[in-house]
Amino acid sequence: MKNLEKQEQELLQEERSVFTAPLQRRSFLQFAGAGAAGVALVAAGCKKDRGDLMTSTGVTLDFKDDFGILNYAYALEQLEAAFYVQVVKTPYASMPANELALLTDIRDHEVAHREFFKNALSTAAIGSLEVNFSKIDFSSRASVLGTAKAFEDLGVSAYNGAGKMIKSVDYLLLAGKIVSVEARHAALIRDLLENGTFANTEVVAASTGLDTSRTPAAVLAIAGGFIKTEVKAINL
């Protein structure tokens, strides 16, 4: 981790929002170069135009193919990235230095995930979503961490629920790598709220030892409360 005082100064001096700043090409390739799957996704994305995904009122996620599922993941990563960017930009009252460092790490991961999907999907990507965080009190630790817990748990359950719908084994591998990071985030946030709750029965079934999963319809119904852009799902 960076020296925290230096990190705080850098955050104060930022002139460009992390929300709109793209990853450097090298960083993106390191993330996507996780193998040929990343290159294949970029190449395939260029063959599909996103015009049929955008409407005058919002965004349509067409689950008839892998692109719909990947755009679904991209939409959720946009939401999470926007949330953590705001958390780090306006830390809650008396935020401890260690919590700022941890939340900054999570922000960087979520921005990397968002930019990965945006760059990899290319012209097949949906547009930027407008978020609605009016329900969140960013000055309150309880509100911020409670929302973080909800978002992380939702993200893990979303990947778990959509995994079976992915046809390409390469894309499934990439989704698995991302959901494992999201699960680490969820465990950390849970322990910041209450030590030892990282894998309680709210998220892991005692009888099977398996994490929870949600269908895209259920996930979008929950996430919709924090997204201004209308998100429609078809061919579920």
Protein backbone atom coordinates (compact mmCIF):
# COMPACT_ATOMS: atom_id res chain seq x y z
CA MET A 1 0.00 0.00 0.00
CA LYS A 2 1.12 3.55 -0.63
CA ASN A 3 2.09 5.89 2.14
CA LEU A 4 -1.32 7.03 3.39
CA GLU A 5 -0.45 10.71 3.71
CA LYS A 6 0.85 10.74 0.16
CA GLN A 7 -2.23 8.83 -0.98
CA GLU A 8 -4.59 11.35 0.59
CA GLN A 9 -2.71 14.21 -1.07
CA GLU A 10 -2.97 12.49 -4.42
CA LEU A 11 -6.70 12.04 -3.96
CA LEU A 12 -7.13 15.71 -3.13
CA GLN A 13 -5.12 16.75 -6.16
CA GLU A 14 -6.98 14.59 -8.63
CA GLU A 15 -8.29 16.74 -11.46
CA ARG A 16 -9.93 13.93 -13.35
CA SER A 17 -12.53 11.63 -11.89
CA VAL A 18 -11.60 7.97 -11.62
CA PHE A 19 -15.14 7.22 -12.75
CA THR A 20 -14.40 8.48 -16.27
CA ALA A 21 -10.66 7.82 -16.47
CA PRO A 22 -9.83 4.69 -18.51
CA LEU A 23 -7.24 2.18 -17.45
CA GLN A 24 -3.87 2.55 -19.06
CA ARG A 25 -3.48 0.14 -21.97
CA ARG A 26 -0.73 -1.79 -20.18
CA SER A 27 -2.89 -2.28 -17.09
CA PHE A 28 -5.82 -3.42 -19.19
CA LEU A 29 -3.74 -5.92 -21.10
CA GLN A 30 -2.29 -7.29 -17.87
CA PHE A 31 -5.84 -7.84 -16.61
CA ALA A 32 -7.24 -9.21 -19.85
CA GLY A 33 -4.03 -11.11 -20.58
CA ALA A 34 -5.03 -13.47 -18.31
CA GLY A 35 -5.03 -15.39 -21.55
CA ALA A 36 -6.38 -15.78 -25.02
CA ALA A 37 -9.91 -15.41 -23.68
CA GLY A 38 -9.42 -11.68 -23.22
CA VAL A 39 -8.15 -11.26 -26.76
CA ALA A 40 -10.96 -13.39 -28.12
CA LEU A 41 -13.52 -11.27 -26.31
CA VAL A 42 -12.08 -8.06 -27.77
CA ALA A 43 -12.09 -9.51 -31.27
CA ALA A 44 -15.63 -10.80 -30.96
CA GLY A 45 -16.86 -7.55 -29.46
CA CYS A 46 -15.78 -5.63 -32.53
CA LYS A 47 -18.14 -7.73 -34.63
CA LYS A 48 -21.24 -6.73 -32.72
CA ASP A 49 -22.70 -3.26 -32.59
CA ARG A 50 -24.34 -2.03 -29.40
CA GLY A 51 -26.99 -0.03 -31.21
CA ASP A 52 -29.62 -2.69 -30.53
CA LEU A 53 -28.79 -2.51 -26.81
CA MET A 54 -29.46 1.21 -26.41
CA THR A 55 -32.91 2.77 -26.44
CA SER A 56 -34.16 6.30 -25.98
CA THR A 57 -35.16 5.47 -22.41
CA GLY A 58 -32.36 3.20 -21.26
CA VAL A 59 -30.46 -0.02 -21.82
CA THR A 60 -31.56 -3.48 -22.93
CA LEU A 61 -29.66 -6.57 -21.80
CA ASP A 62 -30.36 -9.40 -24.23
CA PHE A 63 -29.57 -12.69 -22.52
CA LYS A 64 -29.84 -14.72 -25.73
CA ASP A 65 -26.03 -14.92 -25.92
CA ASP A 66 -22.87 -14.37 -23.90
CA PHE A 67 -22.74 -10.69 -24.82
CA GLY A 68 -25.93 -10.08 -22.87
CA ILE A 69 -24.48 -11.79 -19.80
CA LEU A 70 -21.17 -9.92 -20.09
CA ASN A 71 -23.01 -6.60 -20.41
CA TYR A 72 -25.02 -7.58 -17.35
CA ALA A 73 -21.74 -8.00 -15.45
CA TYR A 74 -20.51 -4.70 -16.93
CA ALA A 75 -23.62 -2.91 -15.65
CA LEU A 76 -23.07 -4.22 -12.12
CA GLU A 77 -19.37 -3.32 -12.22
CA GLN A 78 -20.31 0.23 -13.29
CA LEU A 79 -22.53 0.50 -10.23
CA GLU A 80 -19.91 -0.80 -7.81
CA ALA A 81 -17.12 1.31 -9.30
CA ALA A 82 -19.20 4.48 -9.07
CA PHE A 83 -20.02 3.72 -5.44
CA TYR A 84 -16.43 3.16 -4.31
CA VAL A 85 -15.16 6.15 -6.28
CA GLN A 86 -17.57 8.31 -4.28
CA VAL A 87 -16.64 6.61 -0.99
CA VAL A 88 -12.94 7.36 -1.47
CA LYS A 89 -13.60 10.84 -2.83
CA THR A 90 -15.69 11.81 0.21
CA PRO A 91 -14.57 9.60 3.14
CA TYR A 92 -17.09 9.17 5.93
CA ALA A 93 -16.56 10.99 9.20
CA SER A 94 -13.39 9.96 11.07
CA MET A 95 -12.59 7.20 8.57
CA PRO A 96 -9.51 5.36 9.94
CA ALA A 97 -6.46 5.34 7.69
CA ASN A 98 -6.54 1.55 7.37
CA GLU A 99 -10.16 1.61 6.21
CA LEU A 100 -9.41 4.31 3.63
CA ALA A 101 -6.57 2.17 2.32
CA LEU A 102 -8.74 -0.95 2.12
CA LEU A 103 -11.65 0.84 0.45
CA THR A 104 -9.22 2.44 -2.00
CA ASP A 105 -7.93 -1.01 -2.92
CA ILE A 106 -11.50 -2.18 -3.54
CA ARG A 107 -12.19 0.95 -5.61
CA ASP A 108 -9.20 0.19 -7.81
CA HIS A 109 -10.36 -3.41 -8.30
CA GLU A 110 -13.88 -2.35 -9.27
CA VAL A 111 -12.63 0.30 -11.68
CA ALA A 112 -10.36 -2.33 -13.24
CA HIS A 113 -13.31 -4.71 -13.62
CA ARG A 114 -15.47 -1.98 -15.16
CA GLU A 115 -12.80 -0.92 -17.63
CA PHE A 116 -12.01 -4.52 -18.52
CA PHE A 117 -15.58 -5.19 -19.62
CA LYS A 118 -15.86 -1.82 -21.38
CA ASN A 119 -12.68 -2.35 -23.39
CA ALA A 120 -13.19 -6.03 -24.02
CA LEU A 121 -16.80 -5.71 -25.21
CA SER A 122 -15.80 -2.79 -27.44
CA THR A 123 -18.72 -1.80 -29.71
CA ALA A 124 -20.88 -4.49 -28.12
CA ALA A 125 -20.78 -2.71 -24.75
CA ILE A 126 -23.78 -0.90 -23.35
CA GLY A 127 -23.32 2.78 -22.55
CA SER A 128 -22.51 4.37 -19.21
CA LEU A 129 -25.26 4.05 -16.63
CA GLU A 130 -26.44 6.95 -14.49
CA VAL A 131 -26.47 6.02 -10.82
CA ASN A 132 -28.75 7.15 -8.00
CA PHE A 133 -27.09 7.17 -4.59
CA SER A 134 -29.64 9.41 -2.86
CA LYS A 135 -30.40 6.63 -0.36
CA ILE A 136 -26.78 6.51 0.84
CA ASP A 137 -25.34 8.80 3.50
CA PHE A 138 -21.68 8.96 2.48
CA SER A 139 -20.80 10.75 5.71
CA SER A 140 -21.95 7.75 7.76
CA ARG A 141 -19.76 4.67 8.25
CA ALA A 142 -22.81 2.50 8.91
CA SER A 143 -24.52 3.66 5.72
CA VAL A 144 -21.43 3.29 3.55
CA LEU A 145 -20.33 -0.11 4.84
CA GLY A 146 -23.91 -1.37 4.94
CA THR A 147 -24.32 -0.43 1.28
CA ALA A 148 -20.92 -1.93 0.43
CA LYS A 149 -22.00 -5.18 2.07
CA ALA A 150 -25.24 -5.19 0.07
CA PHE A 151 -23.44 -4.47 -3.21
CA GLU A 152 -20.72 -7.06 -2.68
CA ASP A 153 -23.14 -9.78 -1.62
CA LEU A 154 -25.34 -8.89 -4.60
CA GLY A 155 -22.41 -9.03 -7.00
CA VAL A 156 -21.26 -12.45 -5.82
CA SER A 157 -24.78 -13.86 -6.02
CA ALA A 158 -25.18 -12.33 -9.51
CA TYR A 159 -22.08 -14.02 -10.91
CA ASN A 160 -23.07 -17.28 -9.23
CA GLY A 161 -26.54 -17.11 -10.74
CA ALA A 162 -25.43 -16.17 -14.26
CA GLY A 163 -22.47 -18.54 -14.53
CA LYS A 164 -24.59 -21.44 -15.76
CA MET A 165 -25.87 -19.26 -18.61
CA ILE A 166 -22.40 -18.57 -20.07
CA LYS A 167 -21.71 -20.76 -23.10
CA SER A 168 -18.03 -19.98 -23.65
CA VAL A 169 -15.68 -21.74 -21.25
CA ASP A 170 -13.19 -18.88 -21.75
CA TYR A 171 -15.72 -16.31 -20.60
CA LEU A 172 -16.74 -18.56 -17.72
CA LEU A 173 -13.11 -18.67 -16.61
CA LEU A 174 -12.89 -14.86 -16.65
CA ALA A 175 -16.15 -14.59 -14.69
CA GLY A 176 -14.78 -17.03 -12.14
CA LYS A 177 -11.66 -14.95 -11.66
CA ILE A 178 -13.72 -11.81 -11.10
CA VAL A 179 -16.31 -13.33 -8.76
CA SER A 180 -13.53 -14.71 -6.56
CA VAL A 181 -12.28 -11.14 -6.08
CA GLU A 182 -15.80 -9.92 -5.36
CA ALA A 183 -16.13 -12.62 -2.70
CA ARG A 184 -12.91 -11.39 -1.06
CA HIS A 185 -14.40 -7.89 -1.00
CA ALA A 186 -17.61 -9.19 0.54
CA ALA A 187 -15.71 -11.04 3.27
CA LEU A 188 -13.63 -7.96 4.10
CA ILE A 189 -16.60 -5.61 4.29
CA ARG A 190 -18.52 -8.05 6.48
CA ASP A 191 -15.63 -8.28 8.92
CA LEU A 192 -15.26 -4.49 9.06
CA LEU A 193 -18.90 -4.36 10.14
CA GLU A 194 -18.76 -7.33 12.51
CA ASN A 195 -15.69 -9.48 13.00
CA GLY A 196 -16.20 -13.13 12.13
CA THR A 197 -19.24 -12.68 9.86
CA PHE A 198 -17.30 -13.09 6.60
CA ALA A 199 -19.01 -16.39 5.75
CA ASN A 200 -22.09 -16.57 7.95
CA THR A 201 -25.33 -18.28 7.00
CA GLU A 202 -26.67 -15.12 5.32
CA VAL A 203 -24.40 -15.88 2.39
CA VAL A 204 -23.14 -19.47 2.83
CA ALA A 205 -25.57 -22.34 3.34
CA ALA A 206 -24.58 -24.37 6.38
CA SER A 207 -25.86 -27.61 4.87
CA THR A 208 -23.93 -27.38 1.58
CA GLY A 209 -21.13 -24.89 2.20
CA LEU A 210 -22.16 -23.11 -0.99
CA ASP A 211 -22.56 -19.36 -1.50
CA THR A 212 -25.89 -17.83 -2.45
CA SER A 213 -26.96 -17.16 -6.03
CA ARG A 214 -29.60 -14.94 -7.60
CA THR A 215 -31.21 -14.86 -11.02
CA PRO A 216 -30.56 -11.81 -13.23
CA ALA A 217 -34.16 -10.71 -12.73
CA ALA A 218 -33.77 -10.75 -8.95
CA VAL A 219 -30.42 -8.95 -9.10
CA LEU A 220 -31.65 -6.22 -11.44
CA ALA A 221 -34.70 -5.64 -9.24
CA ILE A 222 -32.38 -4.88 -6.31
CA ALA A 223 -29.73 -2.96 -8.25
CA GLY A 224 -32.43 -0.90 -9.98
CA GLY A 225 -32.94 1.09 -6.80
CA PHE A 226 -29.49 2.61 -7.31
CA ILE A 227 -29.55 3.11 -11.09
CA LYS A 228 -31.36 6.00 -12.79
CA THR A 229 -30.96 4.53 -16.27
CA GLU A 230 -33.74 2.12 -17.14
CA VAL A 231 -32.27 -1.38 -17.51
CA LYS A 232 -34.44 -3.91 -19.32
CA ALA A 233 -33.68 -7.63 -19.53
CA ILE A 234 -35.01 -9.82 -22.34
CA ASN A 235 -34.69 -13.49 -23.28
CA LEU A 236 -34.01 -14.61 -19.71
